[in-house]
PDB file of N, CA and C in Angstrom:
ATOM      1  N   MET A   1       1.296 -54.018-253.214  1.00  0.00           N
ATOM      2  CA  MET A   1       0.439 -54.866-253.895  1.00  0.00           C
ATOM      3  C   MET A   1      -1.038 -54.307-254.086  1.00  0.00           C
ATOM      4  N   LEU A   2      -1.639 -54.566-255.126  1.00  0.00           N
ATOM      5  CA  LEU A   2      -3.047 -54.074-255.317  1.00  0.00           C
ATOM      6  C   LEU A   2      -4.017 -54.648-254.408  1.00  0.00           C
ATOM      7  N   ASN A   3      -4.422 -53.860-253.382  1.00  0.00           N
ATOM      8  CA  ASN A   3      -5.522 -54.350-252.427  1.00  0.00           C
ATOM      9  C   ASN A   3      -6.712 -53.594-252.513  1.00  0.00           C
ATOM     10  N   GLN A   4      -6.956 -52.795-253.552  1.00  0.00           N
ATOM     11  CA  GLN A   4      -8.165 -51.923-253.659  1.00  0.00           C
ATOM     12  C   GLN A   4      -9.376 -52.701-254.134  1.00  0.00           C
ATOM     13  N   THR A   5     -10.505 -52.264-253.885  1.00  0.00           N
ATOM     14  CA  THR A   5     -11.702 -52.906-254.330  1.00  0.00           C
ATOM     15  C   THR A   5     -12.485 -52.092-255.355  1.00  0.00           C
ATOM     16  N   GLU A   6     -12.022 -50.990-255.708  1.00  0.00           N
ATOM     17  CA  GLU A   6     -12.627 -50.171-256.712  1.00  0.00           C
ATOM     18  C   GLU A   6     -11.567 -49.612-257.619  1.00  0.00           C
ATOM     19  N   GLN A   7     -12.027 -49.364-258.829  1.00  0.00           N
ATOM     20  CA  GLN A   7     -11.163 -48.786-259.956  1.00  0.00           C
ATOM     21  C   GLN A   7     -10.841 -47.349-259.533  1.00  0.00           C
ATOM     22  N   THR A   8      -9.620 -46.858-259.753  1.00  0.00           N
ATOM     23  CA  THR A   8      -9.165 -45.599-259.501  1.00  0.00           C
ATOM     24  C   THR A   8      -8.578 -45.003-260.746  1.00  0.00           C
ATOM     25  N   PHE A   9      -8.492 -43.733-260.791  1.00  0.00           N
ATOM     26  CA  PHE A   9      -7.936 -43.017-261.933  1.00  0.00           C
ATOM     27  C   PHE A   9      -6.908 -41.950-261.438  1.00  0.00           C
ATOM     28  N   ASN A  10      -5.964 -41.618-262.342  1.00  0.00           N
ATOM     29  CA  ASN A  10      -4.931 -40.631-262.103  1.00  0.00           C
ATOM     30  C   ASN A  10      -4.857 -39.794-263.414  1.00  0.00           C
ATOM     31  N   ASP A  11      -5.376 -38.500-263.145  1.00  0.00           N
ATOM     32  CA  ASP A  11      -5.427 -37.671-264.327  1.00  0.00           C
ATOM     33  C   ASP A  11      -4.279 -36.815-264.368  1.00  0.00           C
ATOM     34  N   GLN A  12      -3.702 -36.565-265.599  1.00  0.00           N
ATOM     35  CA  GLN A  12      -2.445 -35.843-265.774  1.00  0.00           C
ATOM     36  C   GLN A  12      -2.606 -34.321-265.142  1.00  0.00           C
ATOM     37  N   ALA A  13      -3.733 -33.692-265.378  1.00  0.00           N
ATOM     38  CA  ALA A  13      -3.851 -32.365-264.867  1.00  0.00           C
ATOM     39  C   ALA A  13      -3.805 -32.289-263.265  1.00  0.00           C
ATOM     40  N   ALA A  14      -4.170 -33.389-262.634  1.00  0.00           N
ATOM     41  CA  ALA A  14      -4.136 -33.440-261.163  1.00  0.00           C
ATOM     42  C   ALA A  14      -2.879 -33.974-260.581  1.00  0.00           C
ATOM     43  N   CYS A  15      -1.826 -34.217-261.382  1.00  0.00           N
ATOM     44  CA  CYS A  15      -0.594 -34.792-260.860  1.00  0.00           C
ATOM     45  C   CYS A  15       0.230 -33.750-260.132  1.00  0.00           C
ATOM     46  N   ASP A  16       0.826 -34.196-259.022  1.00  0.00           N
ATOM     47  CA  ASP A  16       1.835 -33.460-258.185  1.00  0.00           C
ATOM     48  C   ASP A  16       3.167 -34.133-258.517  1.00  0.00           C
ATOM     49  N   TRP A  17       4.039 -33.433-259.321  1.00  0.00           N
ATOM     50  CA  TRP A  17       5.229 -33.953-259.586  1.00  0.00           C
ATOM     51  C   TRP A  17       6.244 -33.775-258.479  1.00  0.00           C
ATOM     52  N   LEU A  18       6.938 -34.808-258.020  1.00  0.00           N
ATOM     53  CA  LEU A  18       7.799 -34.770-256.896  1.00  0.00           C
ATOM     54  C   LEU A  18       9.298 -34.783-257.341  1.00  0.00           C
ATOM     55  N   PRO A  19      10.130 -34.230-256.484  1.00  0.00           N
ATOM     56  CA  PRO A  19      11.594 -34.363-256.793  1.00  0.00           C
ATOM     57  C   PRO A  19      12.012 -35.760-256.579  1.00  0.00           C
ATOM     58  N   PHE A  20      13.006 -36.312-257.375  1.00  0.00           N
ATOM     59  CA  PHE A  20      13.458 -37.646-257.224  1.00  0.00           C
ATOM     60  C   PHE A  20      14.812 -37.599-256.361  1.00  0.00           C
ATOM     61  N   GLY A  21      14.577 -37.590-255.017  1.00  0.00           N
ATOM     62  CA  GLY A  21      15.700 -37.433-254.122  1.00  0.00           C
ATOM     63  C   GLY A  21      16.431 -36.309-254.385  1.00  0.00           C
ATOM     64  N   GLU A  22      17.814 -36.426-254.493  1.00  0.00           N
ATOM     65  CA  GLU A  22      18.757 -35.385-254.612  1.00  0.00           C
ATOM     66  C   GLU A  22      19.069 -35.236-256.168  1.00  0.00           C
ATOM     67  N   MET A  23      18.517 -36.111-256.993  1.00  0.00           N
ATOM     68  CA  MET A  23      18.800 -36.000-258.404  1.00  0.00           C
ATOM     69  C   MET A  23      18.237 -34.862-259.112  1.00  0.00           C
ATOM     70  N   ALA A  24      19.087 -33.899-259.462  1.00  0.00           N
ATOM     71  CA  ALA A  24      18.584 -32.706-260.155  1.00  0.00           C
ATOM     72  C   ALA A  24      18.038 -33.055-261.478  1.00  0.00           C
ATOM     73  N   GLY A  25      16.978 -32.386-262.007  1.00  0.00           N
ATOM     74  CA  GLY A  25      16.560 -32.546-263.310  1.00  0.00           C
ATOM     75  C   GLY A  25      15.478 -33.755-263.448  1.00  0.00           C
ATOM     76  N   VAL A  26      15.210 -34.470-262.375  1.00  0.00           N
ATOM     77  CA  VAL A  26      14.248 -35.617-262.457  1.00  0.00           C
ATOM     78  C   VAL A  26      13.112 -35.378-261.500  1.00  0.00           C
ATOM     79  N   SER A  27      11.979 -35.575-261.990  1.00  0.00           N
ATOM     80  CA  SER A  27      10.760 -35.446-261.130  1.00  0.00           C
ATOM     81  C   SER A  27       9.838 -36.612-261.567  1.00  0.00           C
ATOM     82  N   PHE A  28       9.041 -37.075-260.525  1.00  0.00           N
ATOM     83  CA  PHE A  28       8.176 -38.217-260.886  1.00  0.00           C
ATOM     84  C   PHE A  28       6.783 -38.098-260.225  1.00  0.00           C
ATOM     85  N   VAL A  29       5.881 -38.922-260.687  1.00  0.00           N
ATOM     86  CA  VAL A  29       4.557 -39.098-260.190  1.00  0.00           C
ATOM     87  C   VAL A  29       4.299 -40.582-259.855  1.00  0.00           C
ATOM     88  N   PRO A  30       4.203 -40.965-258.610  1.00  0.00           N
ATOM     89  CA  PRO A  30       3.876 -42.297-258.274  1.00  0.00           C
ATOM     90  C   PRO A  30       2.486 -42.729-258.774  1.00  0.00           C
ATOM     91  N   LEU A  31       2.357 -43.776-259.480  1.00  0.00           N
ATOM     92  CA  LEU A  31       0.936 -44.182-259.908  1.00  0.00           C
ATOM     93  C   LEU A  31       0.483 -45.338-259.224  1.00  0.00           C
ATOM     94  N   ALA A  32       1.325 -46.399-258.827  1.00  0.00           N
ATOM     95  CA  ALA A  32       0.889 -47.584-258.136  1.00  0.00           C
ATOM     96  C   ALA A  32       2.027 -48.288-257.586  1.00  0.00           C
ATOM     97  N   VAL A  33       1.743 -49.237-256.630  1.00  0.00           N
ATOM     98  CA  VAL A  33       2.703 -50.073-256.173  1.00  0.00           C
ATOM     99  C   VAL A  33       2.276 -51.605-256.493  1.00  0.00           C
ATOM    100  N   PRO A  34       2.800 -52.092-257.568  1.00  0.00           N
ATOM    101  CA  PRO A  34       2.321 -53.440-257.953  1.00  0.00           C
ATOM    102  C   PRO A  34       2.808 -54.565-257.246  1.00  0.00           C
ATOM    103  N   VAL A  35       4.015 -54.471-256.449  1.00  0.00           N
ATOM    104  CA  VAL A  35       4.540 -55.487-255.669  1.00  0.00           C
ATOM    105  C   VAL A  35       5.189 -54.680-254.530  1.00  0.00           C
ATOM    106  N   SER A  36       5.534 -55.487-253.529  1.00  0.00           N
ATOM    107  CA  SER A  36       6.202 -54.852-252.329  1.00  0.00           C
ATOM    108  C   SER A  36       7.523 -54.220-252.862  1.00  0.00           C
ATOM    109  N   ASP A  37       7.721 -52.860-252.550  1.00  0.00           N
ATOM    110  CA  ASP A  37       8.816 -52.109-252.801  1.00  0.00           C
ATOM    111  C   ASP A  37       8.910 -51.694-254.220  1.00  0.00           C
ATOM    112  N   GLY A  38       8.004 -52.237-255.069  1.00  0.00           N
ATOM    113  CA  GLY A  38       8.073 -51.956-256.508  1.00  0.00           C
ATOM    114  C   GLY A  38       7.351 -50.609-256.847  1.00  0.00           C
ATOM    115  N   SER A  39       7.219 -50.143-258.095  1.00  0.00           N
ATOM    116  CA  SER A  39       6.594 -48.946-258.311  1.00  0.00           C
ATOM    117  C   SER A  39       6.181 -48.914-259.787  1.00  0.00           C
ATOM    118  N   ILE A  40       5.206 -48.280-260.172  1.00  0.00           N
ATOM    119  CA  ILE A  40       4.755 -47.737-261.401  1.00  0.00           C
ATOM    120  C   ILE A  40       4.762 -46.299-261.315  1.00  0.00           C
ATOM    121  N   HIS A  41       5.498 -45.631-262.215  1.00  0.00           N
ATOM    122  CA  HIS A  41       5.508 -44.192-262.048  1.00  0.00           C
ATOM    123  C   HIS A  41       5.833 -43.500-263.390  1.00  0.00           C
ATOM    124  N   ARG A  42       5.423 -42.169-263.517  1.00  0.00           N
ATOM    125  CA  ARG A  42       5.877 -41.379-264.615  1.00  0.00           C
ATOM    126  C   ARG A  42       7.103 -40.645-264.045  1.00  0.00           C
ATOM    127  N   ALA A  43       7.970 -40.407-265.014  1.00  0.00           N
ATOM    128  CA  ALA A  43       9.262 -39.577-264.735  1.00  0.00           C
ATOM    129  C   ALA A  43       9.415 -38.575-265.750  1.00  0.00           C
ATOM    130  N   ARG A  44       9.899 -37.369-265.420  1.00  0.00           N
ATOM    131  CA  ARG A  44      10.284 -36.245-266.305  1.00  0.00           C
ATOM    132  C   ARG A  44      11.868 -36.154-266.058  1.00  0.00           C
ATOM    133  N   LEU A  45      12.520 -36.062-267.197  1.00  0.00           N
ATOM    134  CA  LEU A  45      13.870 -35.669-267.129  1.00  0.00           C
ATOM    135  C   LEU A  45      14.051 -34.405-268.000  1.00  0.00           C
ATOM    136  N   THR A  46      14.613 -33.334-267.428  1.00  0.00           N
ATOM    137  CA  THR A  46      14.903 -32.196-268.164  1.00  0.00           C
ATOM    138  C   THR A  46      16.132 -32.335-269.087  1.00  0.00           C
ATOM    139  N   GLN A  47      16.028 -31.677-270.245  1.00  0.00           N
ATOM    140  CA  GLN A  47      17.152 -31.821-271.189  1.00  0.00           C
ATOM    141  C   GLN A  47      18.476 -31.737-270.552  1.00  0.00           C
ATOM    142  N   GLY A  48      19.367 -32.575-270.815  1.00  0.00           N
ATOM    143  CA  GLY A  48      20.684 -32.605-270.290  1.00  0.00           C
ATOM    144  C   GLY A  48      20.884 -33.341-268.954  1.00  0.00           C
ATOM    145  N   THR A  49      19.776 -33.834-268.319  1.00  0.00           N
ATOM    146  CA  THR A  49      19.850 -34.560-267.167  1.00  0.00           C
ATOM    147  C   THR A  49      20.547 -35.963-267.398  1.00  0.00           C
ATOM    148  N   VAL A  50      21.427 -36.336-266.508  1.00  0.00           N
ATOM    149  CA  VAL A  50      22.037 -37.598-266.539  1.00  0.00           C
ATOM    150  C   VAL A  50      21.708 -38.408-265.407  1.00  0.00           C
ATOM    151  N   ILE A  51      21.064 -39.530-265.510  1.00  0.00           N
ATOM    152  CA  ILE A  51      20.880 -40.463-264.485  1.00  0.00           C
ATOM    153  C   ILE A  51      21.997 -41.417-264.535  1.00  0.00           C
ATOM    154  N   PRO A  52      22.957 -41.496-263.425  1.00  0.00           N
ATOM    155  CA  PRO A  52      24.125 -42.250-263.525  1.00  0.00           C
ATOM    156  C   PRO A  52      23.819 -43.759-263.635  1.00  0.00           C
ATOM    157  N   PRO A  53      24.922 -44.559-264.057  1.00  0.00           N
ATOM    158  CA  PRO A  53      24.740 -45.991-264.085  1.00  0.00           C
ATOM    159  C   PRO A  53      24.262 -46.564-262.757  1.00  0.00           C
ATOM    160  N   HIS A  54      23.534 -47.577-262.882  1.00  0.00           N
ATOM    161  CA  HIS A  54      22.971 -48.124-261.592  1.00  0.00           C
ATOM    162  C   HIS A  54      22.376 -49.581-261.916  1.00  0.00           C
ATOM    163  N   THR A  55      21.949 -50.208-260.779  1.00  0.00           N
ATOM    164  CA  THR A  55      21.368 -51.574-260.922  1.00  0.00           C
ATOM    165  C   THR A  55      20.127 -51.534-259.951  1.00  0.00           C
ATOM    166  N   HIS A  56      19.210 -52.345-260.338  1.00  0.00           N
ATOM    167  CA  HIS A  56      18.048 -52.548-259.527  1.00  0.00           C
ATOM    168  C   HIS A  56      18.015 -54.082-259.145  1.00  0.00           C
ATOM    169  N   PRO A  57      17.615 -54.517-258.033  1.00  0.00           N
ATOM    170  CA  PRO A  57      17.594 -55.938-257.605  1.00  0.00           C
ATOM    171  C   PRO A  57      16.398 -56.691-258.215  1.00  0.00           C
ATOM    172  N   SER A  58      15.673 -55.851-259.158  1.00  0.00           N
ATOM    173  CA  SER A  58      14.506 -56.482-259.739  1.00  0.00           C
ATOM    174  C   SER A  58      14.360 -55.993-261.024  1.00  0.00           C
ATOM    175  N   GLU A  59      13.440 -56.648-261.920  1.00  0.00           N
ATOM    176  CA  GLU A  59      13.298 -56.242-263.281  1.00  0.00           C
ATOM    177  C   GLU A  59      12.659 -54.841-263.354  1.00  0.00           C
ATOM    178  N   GLU A  60      13.060 -54.143-264.412  1.00  0.00           N
ATOM    179  CA  GLU A  60      12.473 -52.851-264.734  1.00  0.00           C
ATOM    180  C   GLU A  60      12.023 -52.758-266.186  1.00  0.00           C
ATOM    181  N   TYR A  61      10.935 -52.150-266.386  1.00  0.00           N
ATOM    182  CA  TYR A  61      10.361 -51.915-267.746  1.00  0.00           C
ATOM    183  C   TYR A  61      10.157 -50.520-267.968  1.00  0.00           C
ATOM    184  N   VAL A  62      10.514 -49.853-269.203  1.00  0.00           N
ATOM    185  CA  VAL A  62      10.562 -48.569-269.360  1.00  0.00           C
ATOM    186  C   VAL A  62       9.928 -48.220-270.735  1.00  0.00           C
ATOM    187  N   PHE A  63       9.006 -47.241-270.778  1.00  0.00           N
ATOM    188  CA  PHE A  63       8.421 -46.797-272.095  1.00  0.00           C
ATOM    189  C   PHE A  63       8.577 -45.356-272.222  1.00  0.00           C
ATOM    190  N   VAL A  64       9.120 -44.864-273.336  1.00  0.00           N
ATOM    191  CA  VAL A  64       9.339 -43.538-273.631  1.00  0.00           C
ATOM    192  C   VAL A  64       8.099 -42.873-274.132  1.00  0.00           C
ATOM    193  N   VAL A  65       7.493 -41.999-273.281  1.00  0.00           N
ATOM    194  CA  VAL A  65       6.275 -41.360-273.603  1.00  0.00           C
ATOM    195  C   VAL A  65       6.521 -40.221-274.600  1.00  0.00           C
ATOM    196  N   SER A  66       7.519 -39.392-274.296  1.00  0.00           N
ATOM    197  CA  SER A  66       7.889 -38.202-275.142  1.00  0.00           C
ATOM    198  C   SER A  66       9.431 -37.810-274.947  1.00  0.00           C
ATOM    199  N   GLY A  67       9.872 -37.187-275.934  1.00  0.00           N
ATOM    200  CA  GLY A  67      11.226 -36.690-275.946  1.00  0.00           C
ATOM    201  C   GLY A  67      12.221 -37.862-276.379  1.00  0.00           C
ATOM    202  N   GLN A  68      13.484 -37.565-276.145  1.00  0.00           N
ATOM    203  CA  GLN A  68      14.559 -38.400-276.544  1.00  0.00           C
ATOM    204  C   GLN A  68      15.479 -38.662-275.349  1.00  0.00           C
ATOM    205  N   VAL A  69      15.828 -39.918-275.082  1.00  0.00           N
ATOM    206  CA  VAL A  69      16.711 -40.360-274.043  1.00  0.00           C
ATOM    207  C   VAL A  69      17.725 -41.341-274.580  1.00  0.00           C
ATOM    208  N   GLU A  70      19.075 -41.162-274.158  1.00  0.00           N
ATOM    209  CA  GLU A  70      19.903 -42.228-274.715  1.00  0.00           C
ATOM    210  C   GLU A  70      20.207 -43.105-273.455  1.00  0.00           C
ATOM    211  N   THR A  71      20.187 -44.388-273.672  1.00  0.00           N
ATOM    212  CA  THR A  71      20.511 -45.346-272.700  1.00  0.00           C
ATOM    213  C   THR A  71      21.185 -46.495-273.375  1.00  0.00           C
ATOM    214  N   GLY A  72      22.170 -47.157-272.696  1.00  0.00           N
ATOM    215  CA  GLY A  72      22.886 -48.201-273.226  1.00  0.00           C
ATOM    216  C   GLY A  72      23.476 -47.915-274.647  1.00  0.00           C
ATOM    217  N   GLY A  73      23.870 -46.606-274.907  1.00  0.00           N
ATOM    218  CA  GLY A  73      24.365 -46.248-276.162  1.00  0.00           C
ATOM    219  C   GLY A  73      23.362 -46.174-277.209  1.00  0.00           C
ATOM    220  N   ARG A  74      22.095 -46.234-276.943  1.00  0.00           N
ATOM    221  CA  ARG A  74      21.078 -46.255-278.011  1.00  0.00           C
ATOM    222  C   ARG A  74      20.082 -45.067-277.724  1.00  0.00           C
ATOM    223  N   LEU A  75      19.789 -44.359-278.929  1.00  0.00           N
ATOM    224  CA  LEU A  75      18.827 -43.226-278.830  1.00  0.00           C
ATOM    225  C   LEU A  75      17.442 -43.808-278.715  1.00  0.00           C
ATOM    226  N   CYS A  76      16.604 -43.427-277.682  1.00  0.00           N
ATOM    227  CA  CYS A  76      15.258 -43.961-277.566  1.00  0.00           C
ATOM    228  C   CYS A  76      14.301 -42.785-277.576  1.00  0.00           C
ATOM    229  N   GLU A  77      13.299 -42.990-278.626  1.00  0.00           N
ATOM    230  CA  GLU A  77      12.337 -41.885-278.900  1.00  0.00           C
ATOM    231  C   GLU A  77      11.002 -42.306-278.431  1.00  0.00           C
ATOM    232  N   PRO A  78       9.856 -41.499-278.570  1.00  0.00           N
ATOM    233  CA  PRO A  78       8.556 -41.936-278.124  1.00  0.00           C
ATOM    234  C   PRO A  78       8.134 -43.311-278.844  1.00  0.00           C
ATOM    235  N   GLY A  79       7.660 -44.172-277.891  1.00  0.00           N
ATOM    236  CA  GLY A  79       7.243 -45.400-278.363  1.00  0.00           C
ATOM    237  C   GLY A  79       8.279 -46.555-278.119  1.00  0.00           C
ATOM    238  N   THR A  80       9.509 -46.186-277.814  1.00  0.00           N
ATOM    239  CA  THR A  80      10.524 -47.179-277.443  1.00  0.00           C
ATOM    240  C   THR A  80      10.254 -47.767-276.089  1.00  0.00           C
ATOM    241  N   PHE A  81      10.320 -49.081-275.959  1.00  0.00           N
ATOM    242  CA  PHE A  81      10.115 -49.828-274.817  1.00  0.00           C
ATOM    243  C   PHE A  81      11.395 -50.673-274.557  1.00  0.00           C
ATOM    244  N   TRP A  82      11.914 -50.640-273.256  1.00  0.00           N
ATOM    245  CA  TRP A  82      13.134 -51.552-272.999  1.00  0.00           C
ATOM    246  C   TRP A  82      12.867 -52.128-271.683  1.00  0.00           C
ATOM    247  N   ILE A  83      13.473 -53.294-271.579  1.00  0.00           N
ATOM    248  CA  ILE A  83      13.421 -54.198-270.366  1.00  0.00           C
ATOM    249  C   ILE A  83      14.879 -54.363-269.805  1.00  0.00           C
ATOM    250  N   THR A  84      15.071 -54.150-268.554  1.00  0.00           N
ATOM    251  CA  THR A  84      16.373 -54.372-267.848  1.00  0.00           C
ATOM    252  C   THR A  84      16.161 -55.534-266.847  1.00  0.00           C
ATOM    253  N   PRO A  85      16.817 -56.661-267.073  1.00  0.00           N
ATOM    254  CA  PRO A  85      16.769 -57.783-266.072  1.00  0.00           C
ATOM    255  C   PRO A  85      17.333 -57.288-264.787  1.00  0.00           C
ATOM    256  N   ALA A  86      16.836 -57.979-263.631  1.00  0.00           N
ATOM    257  CA  ALA A  86      17.333 -57.776-262.240  1.00  0.00           C
ATOM    258  C   ALA A  86      18.838 -57.924-262.228  1.00  0.00           C
ATOM    259  N   ASN A  87      19.374 -56.984-261.366  1.00  0.00           N
ATOM    260  CA  ASN A  87      20.888 -56.935-261.142  1.00  0.00           C
ATOM    261  C   ASN A  87      21.700 -56.707-262.376  1.00  0.00           C
ATOM    262  N   SER A  88      21.097 -56.128-263.418  1.00  0.00           N
ATOM    263  CA  SER A  88      22.018 -55.703-264.625  1.00  0.00           C
ATOM    264  C   SER A  88      22.233 -54.205-264.511  1.00  0.00           C
ATOM    265  N   ARG A  89      23.523 -53.974-264.854  1.00  0.00           N
ATOM    266  CA  ARG A  89      24.004 -52.648-264.686  1.00  0.00           C
ATOM    267  C   ARG A  89      23.324 -51.883-265.926  1.00  0.00           C
ATOM    268  N   GLN A  90      22.720 -50.700-265.654  1.00  0.00           N
ATOM    269  CA  GLN A  90      22.101 -49.845-266.752  1.00  0.00           C
ATOM    270  C   GLN A  90      22.742 -48.472-266.663  1.00  0.00           C
ATOM    271  N   GLY A  91      22.397 -47.718-267.745  1.00  0.00           N
ATOM    272  CA  GLY A  91      22.759 -46.310-267.755  1.00  0.00           C
ATOM    273  C   GLY A  91      24.120 -46.128-268.177  1.00  0.00           C
ATOM    274  N   PRO A  92      24.421 -44.845-268.197  1.00  0.00           N
ATOM    275  CA  PRO A  92      23.645 -43.635-267.850  1.00  0.00           C
ATOM    276  C   PRO A  92      22.486 -43.436-268.742  1.00  0.00           C
ATOM    277  N   HIS A  93      21.491 -42.826-268.277  1.00  0.00           N
ATOM    278  CA  HIS A  93      20.365 -42.369-268.997  1.00  0.00           C
ATOM    279  C   HIS A  93      20.494 -40.958-269.217  1.00  0.00           C
ATOM    280  N   ILE A  94      20.606 -40.416-270.557  1.00  0.00           N
ATOM    281  CA  ILE A  94      20.941 -39.054-270.815  1.00  0.00           C
ATOM    282  C   ILE A  94      19.667 -38.417-271.553  1.00  0.00           C
ATOM    283  N   ALA A  95      19.103 -37.477-270.994  1.00  0.00           N
ATOM    284  CA  ALA A  95      17.918 -36.762-271.517  1.00  0.00           C
ATOM    285  C   ALA A  95      18.469 -35.870-272.648  1.00  0.00           C
ATOM    286  N   ILE A  96      18.327 -36.313-273.906  1.00  0.00           N
ATOM    287  CA  ILE A  96      18.737 -35.528-275.040  1.00  0.00           C
ATOM    288  C   ILE A  96      17.777 -34.259-275.166  1.00  0.00           C
ATOM    289  N   THR A  97      16.525 -34.407-274.873  1.00  0.00           N
ATOM    290  CA  THR A  97      15.539 -33.270-274.953  1.00  0.00           C
ATOM    291  C   THR A  97      14.773 -33.503-273.599  1.00  0.00           C
ATOM    292  N   ASP A  98      13.864 -32.650-273.238  1.00  0.00           N
ATOM    293  CA  ASP A  98      12.948 -32.866-272.139  1.00  0.00           C
ATOM    294  C   ASP A  98      12.133 -34.190-272.551  1.00  0.00           C
ATOM    295  N   THR A  99      12.149 -35.103-271.515  1.00  0.00           N
ATOM    296  CA  THR A  99      11.676 -36.350-271.721  1.00  0.00           C
ATOM    297  C   THR A  99      10.696 -36.798-270.665  1.00  0.00           C
ATOM    298  N   GLU A 100       9.707 -37.628-270.967  1.00  0.00           N
ATOM    299  CA  GLU A 100       8.821 -38.371-270.073  1.00  0.00           C
ATOM    300  C   GLU A 100       8.889 -39.853-270.348  1.00  0.00           C
ATOM    301  N   ILE A 101       9.094 -40.586-269.243  1.00  0.00           N
ATOM    302  CA  ILE A 101       9.037 -42.073-269.376  1.00  0.00           C
ATOM    303  C   ILE A 101       8.014 -42.574-268.347  1.00  0.00           C
ATOM    304  N   LEU A 102       7.536 -43.832-268.582  1.00  0.00           N
ATOM    305  CA  LEU A 102       6.696 -44.601-267.763  1.00  0.00           C
ATOM    306  C   LEU A 102       7.506 -45.749-267.378  1.00  0.00           C
ATOM    307  N   THR A 103       7.773 -45.910-266.079  1.00  0.00           N
ATOM    308  CA  THR A 103       8.608 -46.996-265.504  1.00  0.00           C
ATOM    309  C   THR A 103       7.816 -47.957-264.597  1.00  0.00           C
ATOM    310  N   ILE A 104       8.026 -49.250-264.817  1.00  0.00           N
ATOM    311  CA  ILE A 104       7.510 -50.274-263.903  1.00  0.00           C
ATOM    312  C   ILE A 104       8.586 -51.032-263.334  1.00  0.00           C
ATOM    313  N   ARG A 105       8.772 -51.003-262.087  1.00  0.00           N
ATOM    314  CA  ARG A 105       9.820 -51.654-261.334  1.00  0.00           C
ATOM    315  C   ARG A 105       9.375 -52.748-260.374  1.00  0.00           C
ATOM    316  N   LEU A 106       9.685 -53.917-260.530  1.00  0.00           N
ATOM    317  CA  LEU A 106       9.111 -54.953-259.744  1.00  0.00           C
ATOM    318  C   LEU A 106       9.892 -55.421-258.509  1.00  0.00           C
ATOM    319  N   GLY A 107      10.255 -54.373-257.806  1.00  0.00           N
ATOM    320  CA  GLY A 107      10.971 -54.554-256.489  1.00  0.00           C
ATOM    321  C   GLY A 107      11.681 -53.303-256.005  1.00  0.00           C
ATOM    322  N   ALA A 108      12.668 -53.399-255.151  1.00  0.00           N
ATOM    323  CA  ALA A 108      13.413 -52.274-254.521  1.00  0.00           C
ATOM    324  C   ALA A 108      14.079 -51.425-255.567  1.00  0.00           C
ATOM    325  N   LEU A 109      14.438 -50.198-255.250  1.00  0.00           N
ATOM    326  CA  LEU A 109      15.034 -49.235-256.144  1.00  0.00           C
ATOM    327  C   LEU A 109      16.596 -49.556-256.443  1.00  0.00           C
ATOM    328  N   GLY A 110      17.210 -50.072-255.479  1.00  0.00           N
ATOM    329  CA  GLY A 110      18.579 -50.306-255.652  1.00  0.00           C
ATOM    330  C   GLY A 110      19.499 -49.089-255.529  1.00  0.00           C
ATOM    331  N   ALA A 111      20.791 -49.165-256.015  1.00  0.00           N
ATOM    332  CA  ALA A 111      21.707 -48.065-255.669  1.00  0.00           C
ATOM    333  C   ALA A 111      22.271 -47.475-256.968  1.00  0.00           C
ATOM    334  N   PHE A 112      22.477 -46.179-256.952  1.00  0.00           N
ATOM    335  CA  PHE A 112      23.028 -45.371-258.021  1.00  0.00           C
ATOM    336  C   PHE A 112      24.470 -45.152-257.776  1.00  0.00           C
ATOM    337  N   GLU A 113      25.331 -45.174-258.838  1.00  0.00           N
ATOM    338  CA  GLU A 113      26.678 -45.060-258.691  1.00  0.00           C
ATOM    339  C   GLU A 113      27.042 -43.602-258.647  1.00  0.00           C
TER     340      GLU A 113
END
């Protein structure tokens, strides 16, 4: 939860991209924790990366910043925004090009298949 008393900033040039666990081709920058176990983060997917089908026990909101990613059988380009309700199976997410997304997840990560 947001418990800070001053405004903070996260500049792109100062970002340290971290690997996303064992998932090859995915890196991320955590930006904030809006709720317990939740996250707001930027993620990069290299072309050809496939994030397997999965569910999250909470809502997830995704905005495509750059590139092209296919999800739910739909090609999503910059400016596309999608919402996935809690406990809904989603994916696979397939990076058609190098892609950057902004993700807001309102709870725990959940399990990947």
